[in-house]
């Protein structure tokens, strides 16, 4: 099993991902929000690459069961029902709903990797669940960091490094690219306090300035969810049985 990390979506084109197993990471905040929405009962998340396409798609769907969600430059988009804060995607709002979702970085990275044979979403909140599933698959893996405006982001790379370390604990002998090894090194250096690290990143500082400090606390929670978002038929759904396995594990640990 070989693991490679792409620090930004600008590194590879869509066809690069054809037939690959891919994990997309956008810690602040698309990945975390997608996981929260599915955990709270959303039927599916439909990631899109532009605001215009989000509006176009929503016009052809049954409005009562569909919500527009997302952000542009951290702010909720005018006319959208929801922004990109995980706190907005509560069970009473999203349960049973399809959510058309656009974000500045995260959904673009997901759409770019759409030709992957297996495509998963990871954040700190579900990192162990994703690691265990990837170890079980035992396939070469590309970790696509969403980055920020096609530039490197510390939070996504640290998360990638932690994910690789988790897989390594389970599988032992895996092959790492140079970028994967560098991600582990950054994770060890900057990942001791996730909330502190997030607060000191460029994106984290911008979110704090815009009043989203609580979002950073939410995004820094390690393994608060067992949901693994899985891309199938142009939508993200919760991978069957992943959440159940997580719940059983929590109960066994408690006992």
C-alpha atoms as a PDB file:
ATOM      1  CA  UNK A   1       0.000   0.000   0.000  1.00  0.00           C
ATOM      2  CA  UNK A   2       1.516   3.306  -1.129  1.00  0.00           C
ATOM      3  CA  UNK A   3       0.251   6.659   0.118  1.00  0.00           C
ATOM      4  CA  UNK A   4       0.822   9.991  -1.595  1.00  0.00           C
ATOM      5  CA  UNK A   5      -0.268  13.474  -0.490  1.00  0.00           C
ATOM      6  CA  UNK A   6      -1.243  16.268  -2.865  1.00  0.00           C
ATOM      7  CA  UNK A   7      -0.941  19.554  -0.981  1.00  0.00           C
ATOM      8  CA  UNK A   8      -3.307  21.497  -3.272  1.00  0.00           C
ATOM      9  CA  UNK A   9      -5.819  20.655  -6.037  1.00  0.00           C
ATOM     10  CA  UNK A  10      -3.608  22.543  -8.501  1.00  0.00           C
ATOM     11  CA  UNK A  11      -1.043  19.728  -8.520  1.00  0.00           C
ATOM     12  CA  UNK A  12      -3.112  17.260 -10.585  1.00  0.00           C
ATOM     13  CA  UNK A  13      -5.913  17.355 -13.147  1.00  0.00           C
ATOM     14  CA  UNK A  14      -9.194  15.400 -13.021  1.00  0.00           C
ATOM     15  CA  UNK A  15      -7.920  12.464 -15.078  1.00  0.00           C
ATOM     16  CA  UNK A  16      -5.056  11.887 -12.637  1.00  0.00           C
ATOM     17  CA  UNK A  17      -7.553  10.406 -10.174  1.00  0.00           C
ATOM     18  CA  UNK A  18      -9.104   7.928 -12.626  1.00  0.00           C
ATOM     19  CA  UNK A  19      -9.353   4.530 -10.953  1.00  0.00           C
ATOM     20  CA  UNK A  20      -7.564   5.684  -7.784  1.00  0.00           C
ATOM     21  CA  UNK A  21      -8.564   5.518  -4.138  1.00  0.00           C
ATOM     22  CA  UNK A  22      -8.697   9.115  -2.933  1.00  0.00           C
ATOM     23  CA  UNK A  23      -9.306  10.925   0.345  1.00  0.00           C
ATOM     24  CA  UNK A  24     -10.188  14.627   0.275  1.00  0.00           C
ATOM     25  CA  UNK A  25      -9.399  16.727   3.346  1.00  0.00           C
ATOM     26  CA  UNK A  26     -10.692  20.228   4.030  1.00  0.00           C
ATOM     27  CA  UNK A  27     -10.543  20.614   7.805  1.00  0.00           C
ATOM     28  CA  UNK A  28     -11.744  24.265   7.806  1.00  0.00           C
ATOM     29  CA  UNK A  29     -14.520  23.556   7.204  1.00  0.00           C
ATOM     30  CA  UNK A  30     -16.081  21.597   4.337  1.00  0.00           C
ATOM     31  CA  UNK A  31     -14.971  18.094   5.375  1.00  0.00           C
ATOM     32  CA  UNK A  32     -16.019  18.642   8.977  1.00  0.00           C
ATOM     33  CA  UNK A  33     -19.379  20.102   7.969  1.00  0.00           C
ATOM     34  CA  UNK A  34     -20.124  17.278   5.505  1.00  0.00           C
ATOM     35  CA  UNK A  35     -19.406  14.709   8.221  1.00  0.00           C
ATOM     36  CA  UNK A  36     -21.628  16.588  10.700  1.00  0.00           C
ATOM     37  CA  UNK A  37     -24.481  16.882   8.196  1.00  0.00           C
ATOM     38  CA  UNK A  38     -24.481  13.159   7.390  1.00  0.00           C
ATOM     39  CA  UNK A  39     -24.177  12.274  11.069  1.00  0.00           C
ATOM     40  CA  UNK A  40     -27.264  14.371  11.745  1.00  0.00           C
ATOM     41  CA  UNK A  41     -29.299  12.517   9.154  1.00  0.00           C
ATOM     42  CA  UNK A  42     -28.814  14.366   5.869  1.00  0.00           C
ATOM     43  CA  UNK A  43     -29.824  12.069   3.013  1.00  0.00           C
ATOM     44  CA  UNK A  44     -26.914  13.116   0.819  1.00  0.00           C
ATOM     45  CA  UNK A  45     -24.535  15.958   0.048  1.00  0.00           C
ATOM     46  CA  UNK A  46     -24.209  17.089  -3.566  1.00  0.00           C
ATOM     47  CA  UNK A  47     -20.824  18.843  -3.929  1.00  0.00           C
ATOM     48  CA  UNK A  48     -20.550  21.359  -6.761  1.00  0.00           C
ATOM     49  CA  UNK A  49     -17.701  23.416  -8.188  1.00  0.00           C
ATOM     50  CA  UNK A  50     -19.470  26.768  -8.693  1.00  0.00           C
ATOM     51  CA  UNK A  51     -22.204  28.810  -7.071  1.00  0.00           C
ATOM     52  CA  UNK A  52     -23.964  29.123 -10.427  1.00  0.00           C
ATOM     53  CA  UNK A  53     -24.142  25.356 -10.821  1.00  0.00           C
ATOM     54  CA  UNK A  54     -25.453  24.995  -7.269  1.00  0.00           C
ATOM     55  CA  UNK A  55     -28.333  27.348  -8.055  1.00  0.00           C
ATOM     56  CA  UNK A  56     -28.971  25.626 -11.401  1.00  0.00           C
ATOM     57  CA  UNK A  57     -29.094  22.161  -9.838  1.00  0.00           C
ATOM     58  CA  UNK A  58     -31.360  23.315  -7.017  1.00  0.00           C
ATOM     59  CA  UNK A  59     -33.889  24.641  -9.536  1.00  0.00           C
ATOM     60  CA  UNK A  60     -34.513  21.167 -10.884  1.00  0.00           C
ATOM     61  CA  UNK A  61     -34.991  19.446  -7.540  1.00  0.00           C
ATOM     62  CA  UNK A  62     -37.920  19.122  -5.160  1.00  0.00           C
ATOM     63  CA  UNK A  63     -37.476  22.221  -3.004  1.00  0.00           C
ATOM     64  CA  UNK A  64     -38.963  20.922   0.231  1.00  0.00           C
ATOM     65  CA  UNK A  65     -36.367  18.178   0.485  1.00  0.00           C
ATOM     66  CA  UNK A  66     -33.402  20.148  -0.837  1.00  0.00           C
ATOM     67  CA  UNK A  67     -31.251  22.800   0.820  1.00  0.00           C
ATOM     68  CA  UNK A  68     -28.536  25.036  -0.581  1.00  0.00           C
ATOM     69  CA  UNK A  69     -25.516  25.231   1.694  1.00  0.00           C
ATOM     70  CA  UNK A  70     -22.001  26.605   1.604  1.00  0.00           C
ATOM     71  CA  UNK A  71     -19.841  29.694   1.627  1.00  0.00           C
ATOM     72  CA  UNK A  72     -17.668  32.014  -0.374  1.00  0.00           C
ATOM     73  CA  UNK A  73     -14.612  33.382   1.454  1.00  0.00           C
ATOM     74  CA  UNK A  74     -16.003  32.112   4.804  1.00  0.00           C
ATOM     75  CA  UNK A  75     -19.352  33.965   4.444  1.00  0.00           C
ATOM     76  CA  UNK A  76     -22.723  32.345   3.755  1.00  0.00           C
ATOM     77  CA  UNK A  77     -23.790  32.969   0.161  1.00  0.00           C
ATOM     78  CA  UNK A  78     -26.769  35.247  -0.353  1.00  0.00           C
ATOM     79  CA  UNK A  79     -29.884  33.200  -1.041  1.00  0.00           C
ATOM     80  CA  UNK A  80     -28.446  29.997   0.470  1.00  0.00           C
ATOM     81  CA  UNK A  81     -30.266  28.420   3.419  1.00  0.00           C
ATOM     82  CA  UNK A  82     -27.064  27.397   5.189  1.00  0.00           C
ATOM     83  CA  UNK A  83     -23.438  28.469   5.398  1.00  0.00           C
ATOM     84  CA  UNK A  84     -20.417  26.271   6.080  1.00  0.00           C
ATOM     85  CA  UNK A  85     -20.521  26.042   9.865  1.00  0.00           C
ATOM     86  CA  UNK A  86     -21.054  22.503  11.229  1.00  0.00           C
ATOM     87  CA  UNK A  87     -23.286  24.030  13.912  1.00  0.00           C
ATOM     88  CA  UNK A  88     -25.854  24.973  11.255  1.00  0.00           C
ATOM     89  CA  UNK A  89     -26.367  21.400  10.089  1.00  0.00           C
ATOM     90  CA  UNK A  90     -28.470  20.194  13.005  1.00  0.00           C
ATOM     91  CA  UNK A  91     -30.722  17.161  12.877  1.00  0.00           C
ATOM     92  CA  UNK A  92     -33.940  19.193  12.872  1.00  0.00           C
ATOM     93  CA  UNK A  93     -32.753  21.108   9.804  1.00  0.00           C
ATOM     94  CA  UNK A  94     -30.961  18.506   7.663  1.00  0.00           C
ATOM     95  CA  UNK A  95     -32.486  15.105   8.516  1.00  0.00           C
ATOM     96  CA  UNK A  96     -33.775  13.463   5.346  1.00  0.00           C
ATOM     97  CA  UNK A  97     -32.649  16.376   3.162  1.00  0.00           C
ATOM     98  CA  UNK A  98     -30.427  16.555   0.098  1.00  0.00           C
ATOM     99  CA  UNK A  99     -27.918  19.382   0.465  1.00  0.00           C
ATOM    100  CA  UNK A 100     -26.399  21.040  -2.579  1.00  0.00           C
ATOM    101  CA  UNK A 101     -23.062  22.194  -1.233  1.00  0.00           C
ATOM    102  CA  UNK A 102     -20.513  24.707  -2.508  1.00  0.00           C
ATOM    103  CA  UNK A 103     -17.412  25.943  -0.707  1.00  0.00           C
ATOM    104  CA  UNK A 104     -14.440  28.010  -1.800  1.00  0.00           C
ATOM    105  CA  UNK A 105     -11.965  25.128  -1.547  1.00  0.00           C
ATOM    106  CA  UNK A 106     -13.432  21.846  -0.337  1.00  0.00           C
ATOM    107  CA  UNK A 107     -16.122  21.052  -2.874  1.00  0.00           C
ATOM    108  CA  UNK A 108     -13.842  22.051  -5.754  1.00  0.00           C
ATOM    109  CA  UNK A 109     -11.313  19.481  -4.535  1.00  0.00           C
ATOM    110  CA  UNK A 110     -14.021  16.826  -4.275  1.00  0.00           C
ATOM    111  CA  UNK A 111     -15.354  17.511  -7.769  1.00  0.00           C
ATOM    112  CA  UNK A 112     -11.825  17.417  -9.178  1.00  0.00           C
ATOM    113  CA  UNK A 113     -11.339  13.899  -7.756  1.00  0.00           C
ATOM    114  CA  UNK A 114     -14.722  12.634  -9.018  1.00  0.00           C
ATOM    115  CA  UNK A 115     -13.192  10.032 -11.367  1.00  0.00           C
ATOM    116  CA  UNK A 116     -11.663   8.136  -8.430  1.00  0.00           C
ATOM    117  CA  UNK A 117     -12.809   4.541  -8.057  1.00  0.00           C
ATOM    118  CA  UNK A 118     -13.208   5.184  -4.325  1.00  0.00           C
ATOM    119  CA  UNK A 119     -13.497   8.686  -2.905  1.00  0.00           C
ATOM    120  CA  UNK A 120     -13.795   9.433   0.814  1.00  0.00           C
ATOM    121  CA  UNK A 121     -13.934  12.597   2.941  1.00  0.00           C
ATOM    122  CA  UNK A 122     -11.765  12.961   6.029  1.00  0.00           C
ATOM    123  CA  UNK A 123     -11.242  15.465   8.813  1.00  0.00           C
ATOM    124  CA  UNK A 124      -9.964  15.269  12.367  1.00  0.00           C
ATOM    125  CA  UNK A 125     -13.471  14.347  13.499  1.00  0.00           C
ATOM    126  CA  UNK A 126     -13.526  10.977  11.676  1.00  0.00           C
ATOM    127  CA  UNK A 127      -9.827  10.272  11.205  1.00  0.00           C
ATOM    128  CA  UNK A 128      -9.692   6.845  12.888  1.00  0.00           C
ATOM    129  CA  UNK A 129     -12.739   5.546  11.040  1.00  0.00           C
ATOM    130  CA  UNK A 130     -11.204   6.550   7.688  1.00  0.00           C
ATOM    131  CA  UNK A 131      -7.804   5.091   8.631  1.00  0.00           C
ATOM    132  CA  UNK A 132      -9.320   1.728   9.544  1.00  0.00           C
ATOM    133  CA  UNK A 133     -11.340   1.597   6.347  1.00  0.00           C
ATOM    134  CA  UNK A 134      -8.352   2.448   4.158  1.00  0.00           C
ATOM    135  CA  UNK A 135      -6.225  -0.145   5.930  1.00  0.00           C
ATOM    136  CA  UNK A 136      -8.938  -2.715   5.253  1.00  0.00           C
ATOM    137  CA  UNK A 137      -9.113  -1.747   1.571  1.00  0.00           C
ATOM    138  CA  UNK A 138      -5.321  -2.078   1.340  1.00  0.00           C
ATOM    139  CA  UNK A 139      -5.089  -0.079  -1.888  1.00  0.00           C
ATOM    140  CA  UNK A 140      -2.685   2.659  -2.957  1.00  0.00           C
ATOM    141  CA  UNK A 141      -4.141   5.969  -1.830  1.00  0.00           C
ATOM    142  CA  UNK A 142      -4.014   9.617  -2.846  1.00  0.00           C
ATOM    143  CA  UNK A 143      -4.732  12.151  -0.105  1.00  0.00           C
ATOM    144  CA  UNK A 144      -5.952  15.380  -1.702  1.00  0.00           C
ATOM    145  CA  UNK A 145      -5.654  18.406   0.574  1.00  0.00           C
ATOM    146  CA  UNK A 146      -8.129  21.119  -0.409  1.00  0.00           C
ATOM    147  CA  UNK A 147      -5.655  23.827   0.546  1.00  0.00           C
ATOM    148  CA  UNK A 148      -6.640  27.463   0.324  1.00  0.00           C
ATOM    149  CA  UNK A 149      -7.087  29.132  -3.068  1.00  0.00           C
ATOM    150  CA  UNK A 150      -4.817  26.482  -4.620  1.00  0.00           C
ATOM    151  CA  UNK A 151      -2.128  27.170  -2.012  1.00  0.00           C
ATOM    152  CA  UNK A 152      -0.736  25.021   0.786  1.00  0.00           C
ATOM    153  CA  UNK A 153      -2.676  24.895   4.069  1.00  0.00           C
ATOM    154  CA  UNK A 154      -1.152  23.693   7.316  1.00  0.00           C
ATOM    155  CA  UNK A 155      -4.369  22.247   8.774  1.00  0.00           C
ATOM    156  CA  UNK A 156      -5.113  19.918   5.856  1.00  0.00           C
ATOM    157  CA  UNK A 157      -1.521  18.696   5.685  1.00  0.00           C
ATOM    158  CA  UNK A 158      -1.337  18.033   9.431  1.00  0.00           C
ATOM    159  CA  UNK A 159      -4.590  16.080   9.173  1.00  0.00           C
ATOM    160  CA  UNK A 160      -3.145  14.087   6.261  1.00  0.00           C
ATOM    161  CA  UNK A 161      -0.066  13.297   8.351  1.00  0.00           C
ATOM    162  CA  UNK A 162      -2.182  12.111  11.276  1.00  0.00           C
ATOM    163  CA  UNK A 163      -4.287   9.963   8.949  1.00  0.00           C
ATOM    164  CA  UNK A 164      -1.177   8.302   7.530  1.00  0.00           C
ATOM    165  CA  UNK A 165       0.196   7.689  11.033  1.00  0.00           C
ATOM    166  CA  UNK A 166      -3.105   6.028  12.010  1.00  0.00           C
ATOM    167  CA  UNK A 167      -2.954   3.762   8.958  1.00  0.00           C
ATOM    168  CA  UNK A 168       0.683   2.929   9.731  1.00  0.00           C
ATOM    169  CA  UNK A 169      -0.264   1.849  13.262  1.00  0.00           C
ATOM    170  CA  UNK A 170      -2.814  -0.581  11.829  1.00  0.00           C
ATOM    171  CA  UNK A 171      -0.914  -1.926   8.823  1.00  0.00           C
ATOM    172  CA  UNK A 172       2.690  -1.472   9.822  1.00  0.00           C
ATOM    173  CA  UNK A 173       4.582  -1.693   6.559  1.00  0.00           C
ATOM    174  CA  UNK A 174       3.339   0.911   4.057  1.00  0.00           C
ATOM    175  CA  UNK A 175       5.176   2.832   1.357  1.00  0.00           C
ATOM    176  CA  UNK A 176       5.182   6.621   1.578  1.00  0.00           C
ATOM    177  CA  UNK A 177       5.926   9.274  -1.007  1.00  0.00           C
ATOM    178  CA  UNK A 178       8.109  12.223  -0.051  1.00  0.00           C
ATOM    179  CA  UNK A 179       5.028  14.413   0.422  1.00  0.00           C
ATOM    180  CA  UNK A 180       3.456  11.786   2.698  1.00  0.00           C
ATOM    181  CA  UNK A 181       6.601  11.621   4.834  1.00  0.00           C
ATOM    182  CA  UNK A 182       6.699  15.416   5.035  1.00  0.00           C
ATOM    183  CA  UNK A 183       3.043  15.453   6.125  1.00  0.00           C
ATOM    184  CA  UNK A 184       3.842  13.115   9.003  1.00  0.00           C
ATOM    185  CA  UNK A 185       6.740  15.337  10.056  1.00  0.00           C
ATOM    186  CA  UNK A 186       4.511  18.433  10.073  1.00  0.00           C
ATOM    187  CA  UNK A 187       1.848  16.530  11.992  1.00  0.00           C
ATOM    188  CA  UNK A 188       4.341  15.584  14.688  1.00  0.00           C
ATOM    189  CA  UNK A 189       5.624  19.165  14.922  1.00  0.00           C
ATOM    190  CA  UNK A 190       2.338  21.062  14.815  1.00  0.00           C
ATOM    191  CA  UNK A 191      -0.337  18.500  15.687  1.00  0.00           C
ATOM    192  CA  UNK A 192       0.103  18.184  19.436  1.00  0.00           C
ATOM    193  CA  UNK A 193      -2.701  20.687  20.091  1.00  0.00           C
ATOM    194  CA  UNK A 194      -5.112  20.667  17.176  1.00  0.00           C
ATOM    195  CA  UNK A 195      -7.101  23.691  18.322  1.00  0.00           C
ATOM    196  CA  UNK A 196      -3.949  25.745  18.873  1.00  0.00           C
ATOM    197  CA  UNK A 197      -2.660  24.751  15.438  1.00  0.00           C
ATOM    198  CA  UNK A 198      -5.956  25.656  13.754  1.00  0.00           C
ATOM    199  CA  UNK A 199      -6.050  29.011  15.543  1.00  0.00           C
ATOM    200  CA  UNK A 200      -2.597  29.893  14.233  1.00  0.00           C
ATOM    201  CA  UNK A 201      -3.201  29.007  10.565  1.00  0.00           C
ATOM    202  CA  UNK A 202      -4.012  31.680   7.995  1.00  0.00           C
ATOM    203  CA  UNK A 203      -7.491  30.279   7.446  1.00  0.00           C
ATOM    204  CA  UNK A 204      -8.069  29.813  11.164  1.00  0.00           C
ATOM    205  CA  UNK A 205      -7.188  33.434  11.889  1.00  0.00           C
ATOM    206  CA  UNK A 206      -9.628  34.587   9.206  1.00  0.00           C
ATOM    207  CA  UNK A 207     -12.407  32.457  10.685  1.00  0.00           C
ATOM    208  CA  UNK A 208     -11.736  33.874  14.155  1.00  0.00           C
ATOM    209  CA  UNK A 209     -11.865  37.413  12.758  1.00  0.00           C
ATOM    210  CA  UNK A 210     -15.262  36.580  11.262  1.00  0.00           C
ATOM    211  CA  UNK A 211     -16.628  35.194  14.530  1.00  0.00           C
ATOM    212  CA  UNK A 212     -16.181  31.450  13.952  1.00  0.00           C
ATOM    213  CA  UNK A 213     -13.917  30.535  16.873  1.00  0.00           C
ATOM    214  CA  UNK A 214     -16.419  27.897  18.032  1.00  0.00           C
ATOM    215  CA  UNK A 215     -16.153  26.285  14.612  1.00  0.00           C
ATOM    216  CA  UNK A 216     -12.416  25.847  15.168  1.00  0.00           C
ATOM    217  CA  UNK A 217     -13.124  24.076  18.455  1.00  0.00           C
ATOM    218  CA  UNK A 218     -15.604  21.790  16.685  1.00  0.00           C
ATOM    219  CA  UNK A 219     -13.164  21.065  13.851  1.00  0.00           C
ATOM    220  CA  UNK A 220     -10.385  20.201  16.312  1.00  0.00           C
ATOM    221  CA  UNK A 221     -12.284  17.325  17.958  1.00  0.00           C
ATOM    222  CA  UNK A 222     -10.485  14.057  17.254  1.00  0.00           C
ATOM    223  CA  UNK A 223     -12.719  11.071  16.447  1.00  0.00           C
ATOM    224  CA  UNK A 224     -16.024  12.612  17.441  1.00  0.00           C
ATOM    225  CA  UNK A 225     -17.688  10.763  14.542  1.00  0.00           C
ATOM    226  CA  UNK A 226     -17.582   7.382  12.857  1.00  0.00           C
ATOM    227  CA  UNK A 227     -19.222   8.661   9.663  1.00  0.00           C
ATOM    228  CA  UNK A 228     -17.241   8.170   6.453  1.00  0.00           C
ATOM    229  CA  UNK A 229     -18.644  10.245   3.567  1.00  0.00           C
ATOM    230  CA  UNK A 230     -18.350   8.253   0.322  1.00  0.00           C
ATOM    231  CA  UNK A 231     -18.767   9.649  -3.185  1.00  0.00           C
ATOM    232  CA  UNK A 232     -21.116   7.612  -5.366  1.00  0.00           C
ATOM    233  CA  UNK A 233     -23.335   8.698  -8.253  1.00  0.00           C
ATOM    234  CA  UNK A 234     -22.170  12.337  -7.984  1.00  0.00           C
ATOM    235  CA  UNK A 235     -23.286  12.599  -4.350  1.00  0.00           C
ATOM    236  CA  UNK A 236     -21.751  12.020  -0.933  1.00  0.00           C
ATOM    237  CA  UNK A 237     -23.454   9.477   1.290  1.00  0.00           C
ATOM    238  CA  UNK A 238     -22.503   7.868   4.558  1.00  0.00           C
ATOM    239  CA  UNK A 239     -20.574   4.641   3.979  1.00  0.00           C
ATOM    240  CA  UNK A 240     -22.827   1.799   5.183  1.00  0.00           C
ATOM    241  CA  UNK A 241     -21.953   0.244   8.562  1.00  0.00           C
ATOM    242  CA  UNK A 242     -19.110   2.700   9.269  1.00  0.00           C
ATOM    243  CA  UNK A 243     -21.119   4.604  11.882  1.00  0.00           C
ATOM    244  CA  UNK A 244     -22.442   1.391  13.435  1.00  0.00           C
ATOM    245  CA  UNK A 245     -18.928  -0.015  13.819  1.00  0.00           C
ATOM    246  CA  UNK A 246     -17.840   3.252  15.444  1.00  0.00           C
ATOM    247  CA  UNK A 247     -20.753   3.151  17.902  1.00  0.00           C
ATOM    248  CA  UNK A 248     -20.045  -0.476  18.836  1.00  0.00           C
ATOM    249  CA  UNK A 249     -16.408   0.402  19.422  1.00  0.00           C
ATOM    250  CA  UNK A 250     -17.359   3.323  21.683  1.00  0.00           C
ATOM    251  CA  UNK A 251     -19.661   1.081  23.710  1.00  0.00           C
ATOM    252  CA  UNK A 252     -16.988  -1.610  24.064  1.00  0.00           C
ATOM    253  CA  UNK A 253     -14.476   1.016  25.198  1.00  0.00           C
ATOM    254  CA  UNK A 254     -16.934   2.369  27.766  1.00  0.00           C
ATOM    255  CA  UNK A 255     -17.509  -1.121  29.142  1.00  0.00           C
END
